């Protein structure tokens, strides 16, 4: 990848190149999603619905950290991709090194502080004191696991950006398979509860990082890591370009915090457990869409650096058709196999929670038509270095519209299901995203610096 002529992203046949990068990306994120779904299934069936609710209540905090890491990973890898397209390897290596170092420092600081003030965090997240013990079983371990997990996430994005999607996917799949096996061992066999779930994640993350670390010794790599770095101000520009990914994550955490509060006030802890099932399905949809969007990041960013507008258009059209098809498939599964999906997570003694989950699914399923397309269009805007329009899409779909509509429905229209705010927010965002992408279409950007 040291020259454009040897780079399939810039010169290869469009559809085979798209498939080469998208398939490993989707497989990797499916592996992560499967591990999370199985984790939830083991917790729900072997530990109980309270344990499932305990993890859900912690998610807003986790999303804050994942949002920061994604902002650094995607903003940095897109910037590196543009440098690679311009054949500026030293600049790409510099942003690679600074992104990894920054992520490690932030994750370590967060782990130390959060463990010292864990009960303050639980209260801030709106958790009832009856769940503090369960939450601590998981949180005291997973806080330090996140250091490895977040650094691994950033490394994953750069490994893919440098044309090593198979290695990146191998790491994710291996970690996911090991996580699932250890869930069965620690939760199902040894009955370690939420501690077992945390231990399984810890071991899986270390193995993922170990596999990805092979990249540092590859003779085919373009990017080189170095602790000695200057011009740290560039990290601000890099992070700003990834701002929409941060907005997506942090907004998702804030909306989940709001949802937890609204659901507890109306349905109690069982309502949170019911929404956890729904949230896993939304998570599946997002991961599949991000599998396509992550590939689009590097395909568009490098061709943007090389000013190949025709290829950008072709990749965008193919990616949009792919995520739209994924959305239709998920809707079909929800409409025809809803009961089977729900009982993956809940045992027969949780019939009332299962019924509540079914009612929630009947409200939110229309969002799957367009939520993946919204993610893809936001990612396109990031890839062409338009962070503000990208952030506008992200804010609309993940915070402003869902937050405002949730409160409006809950306070002013109590007779309506307040979760209908979520699909409505996605559809309104869809029209905004189309307008912004048309305004920032490749042919208009080609002569811009």
Protein backbone atom coordinates (compact mmCIF):
# COMPACT_ATOMS: atom_id res chain seq x y z
CA UNK A 1 0.00 0.00 0.00
CA UNK A 2 2.93 2.37 -0.46
CA UNK A 3 1.66 3.59 -3.81
CA UNK A 4 -1.73 4.10 -5.32
CA UNK A 5 -1.04 1.63 -8.12
CA UNK A 6 -0.64 -1.16 -5.56
CA UNK A 7 -3.66 -0.12 -3.52
CA UNK A 8 -6.89 -1.99 -4.44
CA UNK A 9 -8.96 0.66 -2.61
CA UNK A 10 -7.89 3.18 -5.27
CA UNK A 11 -7.58 1.00 -8.37
CA UNK A 12 -9.30 -2.35 -7.82
CA UNK A 13 -12.65 -3.42 -9.30
CA UNK A 14 -15.36 -1.69 -7.26
CA UNK A 15 -17.62 -4.60 -6.26
CA UNK A 16 -14.84 -7.11 -5.43
CA UNK A 17 -13.00 -4.41 -3.46
CA UNK A 18 -16.18 -3.53 -1.57
CA UNK A 19 -16.80 -7.18 -0.76
CA UNK A 20 -13.16 -7.71 0.31
CA UNK A 21 -13.43 -4.99 2.95
CA UNK A 22 -17.10 -5.26 3.92
CA UNK A 23 -17.36 -9.02 4.47
CA UNK A 24 -14.55 -9.19 7.07
CA UNK A 25 -15.94 -6.06 8.73
CA UNK A 26 -19.45 -7.50 8.98
CA UNK A 27 -18.15 -10.88 10.16
CA UNK A 28 -16.09 -9.17 12.85
CA UNK A 29 -18.95 -7.06 14.12
CA UNK A 30 -21.36 -9.99 13.92
CA UNK A 31 -18.89 -11.86 16.11
CA UNK A 32 -18.92 -9.01 18.64
CA UNK A 33 -22.71 -8.81 18.48
CA UNK A 34 -23.09 -12.56 18.91
CA UNK A 35 -20.80 -12.50 21.94
CA UNK A 36 -22.86 -9.69 23.48
CA UNK A 37 -26.14 -11.44 22.71
CA UNK A 38 -24.90 -14.73 24.17
CA UNK A 39 -23.54 -12.84 27.18
CA UNK A 40 -26.99 -11.36 27.71
CA UNK A 41 -28.67 -14.72 27.17
CA UNK A 42 -26.46 -16.43 29.79
CA UNK A 43 -26.96 -13.61 32.28
CA UNK A 44 -30.73 -13.51 31.75
CA UNK A 45 -31.18 -17.27 31.98
CA UNK A 46 -28.61 -18.21 34.64
CA UNK A 47 -28.37 -15.11 36.83
CA UNK A 48 -31.78 -13.50 36.36
CA UNK A 49 -33.56 -10.42 35.07
CA UNK A 50 -32.15 -8.21 37.86
CA UNK A 51 -28.63 -9.01 36.67
CA UNK A 52 -29.67 -8.19 33.10
CA UNK A 53 -31.04 -4.87 34.31
CA UNK A 54 -27.81 -4.19 36.25
CA UNK A 55 -25.71 -4.39 33.09
CA UNK A 56 -28.19 -2.23 31.18
CA UNK A 57 -28.00 0.48 33.84
CA UNK A 58 -24.21 0.61 33.41
CA UNK A 59 -24.35 0.98 29.63
CA UNK A 60 -24.58 4.82 29.60
CA UNK A 61 -21.20 5.03 31.34
CA UNK A 62 -19.66 2.47 29.00
CA UNK A 63 -20.96 4.35 25.97
CA UNK A 64 -19.19 7.50 27.15
CA UNK A 65 -15.84 5.70 27.08
CA UNK A 66 -16.60 3.87 23.83
CA UNK A 67 -17.63 7.20 22.32
CA UNK A 68 -14.26 8.76 23.14
CA UNK A 69 -12.40 5.72 21.77
CA UNK A 70 -14.49 5.66 18.58
CA UNK A 71 -13.93 9.37 18.07
CA UNK A 72 -10.17 8.80 18.24
CA UNK A 73 -10.29 5.56 16.22
CA UNK A 74 -12.50 6.69 13.36
CA UNK A 75 -11.32 10.29 13.26
CA UNK A 76 -7.72 9.09 13.30
CA UNK A 77 -8.10 6.24 10.83
CA UNK A 78 -10.01 8.44 8.36
CA UNK A 79 -7.28 11.05 8.63
CA UNK A 80 -4.65 8.34 8.16
CA UNK A 81 -6.63 7.00 5.18
CA UNK A 82 -6.52 10.41 3.52
CA UNK A 83 -2.75 10.56 4.13
CA UNK A 84 -2.36 7.08 2.64
CA UNK A 85 -4.34 8.20 -0.42
CA UNK A 86 -1.92 11.13 -0.71
CA UNK A 87 1.03 8.71 -0.23
CA UNK A 88 2.10 10.50 2.97
CA UNK A 89 3.07 7.50 5.10
CA UNK A 90 4.94 9.37 7.86
CA UNK A 91 1.91 11.56 8.63
CA UNK A 92 -0.37 8.49 8.68
CA UNK A 93 2.00 6.69 11.10
CA UNK A 94 2.12 9.72 13.38
CA UNK A 95 -1.66 9.91 13.79
CA UNK A 96 -1.73 6.14 14.33
CA UNK A 97 0.74 6.36 17.22
CA UNK A 98 -0.86 9.37 18.88
CA UNK A 99 -4.33 7.81 18.71
CA UNK A 100 -3.18 4.65 20.53
CA UNK A 101 -1.26 6.57 23.20
CA UNK A 102 -4.15 8.98 23.86
CA UNK A 103 -6.67 6.14 24.17
CA UNK A 104 -4.51 4.26 26.68
CA UNK A 105 -4.08 7.34 28.89
CA UNK A 106 -7.80 8.20 28.90
CA UNK A 107 -8.92 4.59 29.54
CA UNK A 108 -6.48 4.11 32.43
CA UNK A 109 -7.50 7.37 34.10
CA UNK A 110 -11.20 6.51 33.75
CA UNK A 111 -10.69 3.04 35.26
CA UNK A 112 -8.91 4.37 38.36
CA UNK A 113 -11.42 7.15 39.02
CA UNK A 114 -14.58 5.14 38.36
CA UNK A 115 -13.61 2.25 40.65
CA UNK A 116 -12.87 4.68 43.49
CA UNK A 117 -16.29 6.31 43.15
CA UNK A 118 -18.38 3.41 41.89
CA UNK A 119 -21.41 3.90 44.15
CA UNK A 120 -21.57 7.58 43.23
CA UNK A 121 -21.67 6.44 39.60
CA UNK A 122 -24.44 3.88 40.28
CA UNK A 123 -26.60 6.57 41.88
CA UNK A 124 -25.90 8.99 39.04
CA UNK A 125 -27.07 6.32 36.59
CA UNK A 126 -30.38 6.05 38.45
CA UNK A 127 -29.84 2.53 39.77
CA UNK A 128 -31.83 1.42 42.85
CA UNK A 129 -29.64 0.46 45.81
CA UNK A 130 -30.97 -3.09 45.65
CA UNK A 131 -28.88 -3.58 42.47
CA UNK A 132 -25.62 -2.06 43.75
CA UNK A 133 -24.18 -5.43 44.75
CA UNK A 134 -24.85 -7.01 41.38
CA UNK A 135 -23.50 -3.98 39.54
CA UNK A 136 -20.30 -4.00 41.62
CA UNK A 137 -19.68 -7.69 40.83
CA UNK A 138 -19.43 -6.77 37.17
CA UNK A 139 -18.13 -3.21 37.27
CA UNK A 140 -15.12 -3.67 39.57
CA UNK A 141 -13.64 -6.09 37.02
CA UNK A 142 -14.84 -4.69 33.72
CA UNK A 143 -13.55 -1.16 34.47
CA UNK A 144 -9.95 -2.31 34.03
CA UNK A 145 -10.83 -4.66 31.18
CA UNK A 146 -11.96 -1.55 29.29
CA UNK A 147 -8.34 -0.34 29.10
CA UNK A 148 -7.46 -3.29 26.88
CA UNK A 149 -10.80 -3.22 25.08
CA UNK A 150 -10.62 0.45 24.09
CA UNK A 151 -6.99 0.29 22.93
CA UNK A 152 -7.86 -2.84 20.95
CA UNK A 153 -10.76 -1.02 19.29
CA UNK A 154 -8.52 1.83 18.13
CA UNK A 155 -5.86 -0.59 16.89
CA UNK A 156 -8.55 -2.54 14.99
CA UNK A 157 -9.60 0.50 12.96
CA UNK A 158 -6.04 1.37 11.95
CA UNK A 159 -5.18 -2.24 11.06
CA UNK A 160 -8.17 -2.27 8.71
CA UNK A 161 -7.28 1.15 7.30
CA UNK A 162 -3.86 -0.22 6.37
CA UNK A 163 -5.35 -3.01 4.27
CA UNK A 164 -5.34 -5.88 6.81
CA UNK A 165 -9.09 -6.62 7.19
CA UNK A 166 -8.56 -10.38 7.52
CA UNK A 167 -6.21 -10.00 10.50
CA UNK A 168 -8.61 -7.52 12.13
CA UNK A 169 -11.56 -9.85 11.64
CA UNK A 170 -9.62 -12.89 12.85
CA UNK A 171 -8.95 -11.07 16.12
CA UNK A 172 -12.61 -10.12 16.62
CA UNK A 173 -13.96 -13.56 15.75
CA UNK A 174 -11.42 -15.34 17.95
CA UNK A 175 -12.22 -13.10 20.89
CA UNK A 176 -15.96 -13.54 20.40
CA UNK A 177 -15.77 -17.34 20.19
CA UNK A 178 -13.62 -17.48 23.33
CA UNK A 179 -15.99 -15.08 25.12
CA UNK A 180 -18.96 -17.30 24.33
CA UNK A 181 -17.15 -20.46 25.44
CA UNK A 182 -16.05 -18.82 28.69
CA UNK A 183 -19.59 -17.52 29.32
CA UNK A 184 -20.80 -21.11 29.20
CA UNK A 185 -17.98 -22.20 31.53
CA UNK A 186 -17.98 -19.34 34.06
CA UNK A 187 -21.70 -18.46 34.13
CA UNK A 188 -23.37 -21.73 33.17
CA UNK A 189 -21.05 -24.34 34.73
CA UNK A 190 -19.19 -22.62 37.59
CA UNK A 191 -22.15 -20.31 38.34
CA UNK A 192 -19.94 -17.25 38.90
CA UNK A 193 -22.75 -14.87 37.94
CA UNK A 194 -21.83 -11.40 36.71
CA UNK A 195 -18.23 -11.87 37.85
CA UNK A 196 -18.06 -14.79 35.42
CA UNK A 197 -19.33 -12.58 32.59
CA UNK A 198 -16.63 -10.00 33.40
CA UNK A 199 -13.86 -12.62 33.58
CA UNK A 200 -14.95 -14.05 30.22
CA UNK A 201 -14.79 -10.60 28.62
CA UNK A 202 -11.38 -9.91 30.17
CA UNK A 203 -9.75 -13.05 28.77
CA UNK A 204 -11.37 -12.56 25.35
CA UNK A 205 -10.13 -8.96 25.11
CA UNK A 206 -6.56 -9.91 25.96
CA UNK A 207 -6.62 -12.56 23.23
CA UNK A 208 -8.05 -10.08 20.71
CA UNK A 209 -5.30 -7.59 21.46
CA UNK A 210 -2.63 -10.30 21.23
CA UNK A 211 -3.82 -11.36 17.77
CA UNK A 212 -4.06 -7.78 16.51
CA UNK A 213 -0.55 -7.10 17.81
CA UNK A 214 0.80 -9.31 15.03
CA UNK A 215 0.30 -6.25 12.85
CA UNK A 216 3.30 -4.55 14.48
CA UNK A 217 5.55 -7.33 13.14
CA UNK A 218 4.04 -7.56 9.65
CA UNK A 219 6.36 -6.89 6.72
CA UNK A 220 3.37 -5.65 4.69
CA UNK A 221 2.31 -2.92 7.13
CA UNK A 222 2.44 0.73 6.16
CA UNK A 223 1.93 2.35 9.57
CA UNK A 224 4.71 2.39 12.16
CA UNK A 225 4.20 2.96 15.88
CA UNK A 226 6.47 5.28 17.87
CA UNK A 227 6.20 6.63 21.42
CA UNK A 228 8.06 9.79 20.47
CA UNK A 229 5.57 12.19 18.91
CA UNK A 230 5.28 15.93 18.31
CA UNK A 231 2.48 18.19 17.06
CA UNK A 232 -0.12 16.83 19.50
CA UNK A 233 -2.49 19.57 18.36
CA UNK A 234 -3.21 17.33 15.37
CA UNK A 235 -5.10 15.03 17.76
CA UNK A 236 -7.66 17.78 18.26
CA UNK A 237 -8.27 17.99 14.49
CA UNK A 238 -8.41 14.20 14.25
CA UNK A 239 -10.82 13.88 17.17
CA UNK A 240 -13.01 16.65 15.77
CA UNK A 241 -13.33 14.77 12.48
CA UNK A 242 -14.60 11.78 14.48
CA UNK A 243 -16.99 13.91 16.52
CA UNK A 244 -20.10 12.33 14.98
CA UNK A 245 -19.04 8.89 16.24
CA UNK A 246 -18.57 10.35 19.72
CA UNK A 247 -21.97 12.03 19.45
CA UNK A 248 -23.56 8.74 18.39
CA UNK A 249 -22.11 6.87 21.35
CA UNK A 250 -22.54 9.48 24.07
CA UNK A 251 -26.02 10.37 22.85
CA UNK A 252 -26.96 6.71 22.84
CA UNK A 253 -25.82 6.54 26.46
CA UNK A 254 -27.81 9.65 27.40
CA UNK A 255 -30.93 8.38 25.67
CA UNK A 256 -30.56 4.99 27.35
CA UNK A 257 -30.20 6.79 30.68
CA UNK A 258 -33.41 8.71 29.93
CA UNK A 259 -35.16 5.53 28.80
CA UNK A 260 -34.09 3.69 31.96
CA UNK A 261 -35.54 6.50 34.07
CA UNK A 262 -38.80 6.64 32.11
CA UNK A 263 -39.20 2.87 32.08
CA UNK A 264 -38.45 2.46 35.79
CA UNK A 265 -40.96 5.18 36.64
CA UNK A 266 -43.68 3.50 34.59
CA UNK A 267 -42.81 -0.22 34.47
CA UNK A 268 -40.24 -0.79 37.25
CA UNK A 269 -37.07 -2.90 37.09
CA UNK A 270 -38.88 -5.59 35.04
CA UNK A 271 -39.48 -2.94 32.40
CA UNK A 272 -35.75 -2.28 32.20
CA UNK A 273 -35.14 -6.02 31.78
CA UNK A 274 -37.76 -6.10 29.00
CA UNK A 275 -36.14 -3.19 27.22
CA UNK A 276 -32.76 -4.92 27.54
CA UNK A 277 -34.03 -7.57 25.12
CA UNK A 278 -35.16 -4.83 22.71
CA UNK A 279 -31.87 -3.01 23.14
CA UNK A 280 -29.92 -6.13 22.15
CA UNK A 281 -31.89 -6.20 18.88
CA UNK A 282 -31.15 -2.53 18.23
CA UNK A 283 -27.50 -3.26 19.03
CA UNK A 284 -27.52 -6.07 16.45
CA UNK A 285 -28.90 -3.71 13.82
CA UNK A 286 -26.31 -1.06 14.63
CA UNK A 287 -23.40 -3.51 14.53
CA UNK A 288 -24.41 -4.87 11.12
CA UNK A 289 -24.76 -1.35 9.78
CA UNK A 290 -21.45 -0.29 11.26
CA UNK A 291 -19.87 -3.32 9.59
CA UNK A 292 -20.70 -1.74 6.25
CA UNK A 293 -20.04 1.82 7.41
CA UNK A 294 -16.59 0.99 8.77
CA UNK A 295 -15.58 -0.37 5.38
CA UNK A 296 -17.02 2.73 3.72
CA UNK A 297 -14.86 4.92 5.97
CA UNK A 298 -11.62 3.63 4.54
CA UNK A 299 -12.91 3.19 0.96
CA UNK A 300 -14.17 6.77 0.80
CA UNK A 301 -11.40 8.46 2.82
CA UNK A 302 -8.60 7.09 0.65
CA UNK A 303 -10.42 7.83 -2.60
CA UNK A 304 -11.22 11.30 -1.26
CA UNK A 305 -7.49 11.85 -0.70
CA UNK A 306 -6.86 10.65 -4.27
CA UNK A 307 -9.84 12.69 -5.62
CA UNK A 308 -11.52 9.63 -7.18
CA UNK A 309 -15.09 10.96 -7.06
CA UNK A 310 -16.59 8.32 -9.36
CA UNK A 311 -15.38 5.52 -7.09
CA UNK A 312 -16.74 7.32 -4.02
CA UNK A 313 -20.20 7.45 -5.62
CA UNK A 314 -20.06 3.79 -6.58
CA UNK A 315 -19.02 2.64 -3.10
CA UNK A 316 -21.71 4.81 -1.50
CA UNK A 317 -24.51 3.39 -3.66
CA UNK A 318 -23.46 -0.22 -3.04
CA UNK A 319 -23.13 0.37 0.71
CA UNK A 320 -26.56 2.04 0.92
CA UNK A 321 -28.24 -0.89 -0.83
CA UNK A 322 -26.50 -3.30 1.54
CA UNK A 323 -27.62 -1.64 4.78
CA UNK A 324 -31.17 -1.19 3.47
CA UNK A 325 -31.32 -4.93 2.79
CA UNK A 326 -30.05 -5.67 6.30
CA UNK A 327 -32.82 -3.50 7.76
CA UNK A 328 -35.52 -5.32 5.80
CA UNK A 329 -34.15 -8.70 6.91
CA UNK A 330 -34.21 -7.68 10.57
CA UNK A 331 -37.79 -6.44 10.28
CA UNK A 332 -38.84 -9.78 8.77
CA UNK A 333 -37.20 -11.61 11.70
CA UNK A 334 -38.95 -9.41 14.25
CA UNK A 335 -42.35 -9.82 12.63
CA UNK A 336 -42.23 -13.57 12.04
CA UNK A 337 -39.93 -14.96 14.78
CA UNK A 338 -40.50 -12.49 17.60
CA UNK A 339 -41.34 -15.04 20.30
CA UNK A 340 -38.32 -17.20 19.49
CA UNK A 341 -35.99 -14.19 19.66
CA UNK A 342 -37.37 -13.04 23.03
CA UNK A 343 -37.02 -16.46 24.66
CA UNK A 344 -33.34 -16.60 23.72
CA UNK A 345 -32.79 -14.09 26.53
CA UNK A 346 -35.45 -15.03 29.07
CA UNK A 347 -36.39 -18.30 30.74
CA UNK A 348 -39.96 -19.54 31.20
CA UNK A 349 -40.25 -17.97 34.68
CA UNK A 350 -40.00 -14.46 33.16
CA UNK A 351 -43.23 -14.60 31.14
CA UNK A 352 -44.32 -11.12 32.23
CA UNK A 353 -40.99 -9.66 31.10
CA UNK A 354 -41.28 -11.51 27.78
CA UNK A 355 -44.76 -10.04 27.23
CA UNK A 356 -43.45 -6.56 27.92
CA UNK A 357 -40.59 -7.13 25.45
CA UNK A 358 -43.08 -8.17 22.78
CA UNK A 359 -45.09 -4.99 23.31
CA UNK A 360 -41.96 -2.84 23.04
CA UNK A 361 -40.85 -4.57 19.82
CA UNK A 362 -44.25 -3.89 18.25
CA UNK A 363 -43.60 -0.19 18.74
CA UNK A 364 -39.96 0.22 17.70
CA UNK A 365 -39.62 -2.08 14.64
CA UNK A 366 -40.14 0.69 12.00
CA UNK A 367 -36.81 2.27 12.98
CA UNK A 368 -34.95 -0.65 11.35
CA UNK A 369 -35.98 0.63 7.91
CA UNK A 370 -33.66 3.64 8.07
CA UNK A 371 -31.40 3.56 11.15
CA UNK A 372 -28.64 1.76 9.21
CA UNK A 373 -28.85 4.19 6.30
CA UNK A 374 -28.58 7.12 8.73
CA UNK A 375 -25.42 5.63 10.22
CA UNK A 376 -23.95 5.07 6.76
CA UNK A 377 -24.63 8.62 5.57
CA UNK A 378 -23.14 10.08 8.74
CA UNK A 379 -20.04 7.94 8.19
CA UNK A 380 -19.78 9.12 4.58
CA UNK A 381 -19.71 12.73 5.78
CA UNK A 382 -16.95 11.88 8.27
CA UNK A 383 -14.94 10.14 5.53
CA UNK A 384 -15.02 13.25 3.32
CA UNK A 385 -13.91 15.39 6.29
CA UNK A 386 -17.23 17.12 6.91
CA UNK A 387 -17.47 16.71 10.69
CA UNK A 388 -20.17 19.30 11.35
CA UNK A 389 -22.77 17.88 8.90
CA UNK A 390 -21.89 14.40 10.14
CA UNK A 391 -22.36 15.52 13.74
CA UNK A 392 -25.69 17.12 12.81
CA UNK A 393 -26.97 13.76 11.55
CA UNK A 394 -25.60 11.99 14.61
CA UNK A 395 -27.11 14.50 17.03
CA UNK A 396 -30.48 14.35 15.31
CA UNK A 397 -30.81 10.57 15.32
CA UNK A 398 -29.24 9.81 18.66
CA UNK A 399 -30.02 12.73 21.00
CA UNK A 400 -32.04 15.79 20.00
CA UNK A 401 -34.96 14.13 18.23
CA UNK A 402 -35.30 10.96 20.34
CA UNK A 403 -34.75 12.87 23.60
CA UNK A 404 -37.21 15.60 22.77
CA UNK A 405 -39.83 13.23 21.38
CA UNK A 406 -39.50 10.80 24.32
CA UNK A 407 -40.15 13.56 26.85
CA UNK A 408 -42.97 15.03 24.76
CA UNK A 409 -44.76 11.69 24.42
CA UNK A 410 -44.19 10.77 28.07
CA UNK A 411 -45.33 14.10 29.54
CA UNK A 412 -47.92 15.35 27.07
CA UNK A 413 -49.35 12.18 25.50
CA UNK A 414 -49.33 9.48 28.23
CA UNK A 415 -51.90 7.46 26.30
CA UNK A 416 -49.33 6.85 23.52
CA UNK A 417 -46.35 4.45 23.80
CA UNK A 418 -43.43 6.79 24.43
CA UNK A 419 -40.98 4.42 22.68
CA UNK A 420 -42.59 5.35 19.35
CA UNK A 421 -40.33 8.40 19.61
CA UNK A 422 -37.38 6.25 18.54
CA UNK A 423 -38.58 5.25 15.04
CA UNK A 424 -40.01 8.73 14.49
CA UNK A 425 -36.60 10.27 15.29
CA UNK A 426 -34.84 7.95 12.81
CA UNK A 427 -37.23 8.80 10.00
CA UNK A 428 -36.95 12.56 10.53
CA UNK A 429 -33.16 12.21 10.60
CA UNK A 430 -33.23 10.24 7.36
CA UNK A 431 -34.53 13.23 5.40
CA UNK A 432 -31.95 15.54 7.00
CA UNK A 433 -29.14 13.09 6.16
CA UNK A 434 -30.21 12.87 2.51
CA UNK A 435 -30.15 16.67 2.21
CA UNK A 436 -26.71 17.02 3.83
CA UNK A 437 -25.17 14.25 1.73
CA UNK A 438 -26.54 15.78 -1.45
CA UNK A 439 -25.13 19.16 -0.39
CA UNK A 440 -21.74 17.49 0.23
CA UNK A 441 -21.76 15.12 -2.74
CA UNK A 442 -18.35 13.95 -4.05
CA UNK A 443 -18.44 15.94 -7.30
CA UNK A 444 -18.92 19.14 -5.31
CA UNK A 445 -16.02 18.34 -2.95
CA UNK A 446 -13.44 17.30 -5.52
CA UNK A 447 -11.76 20.70 -5.81
CA UNK A 448 -11.85 21.46 -2.09
CA UNK A 449 -8.67 21.00 -0.01
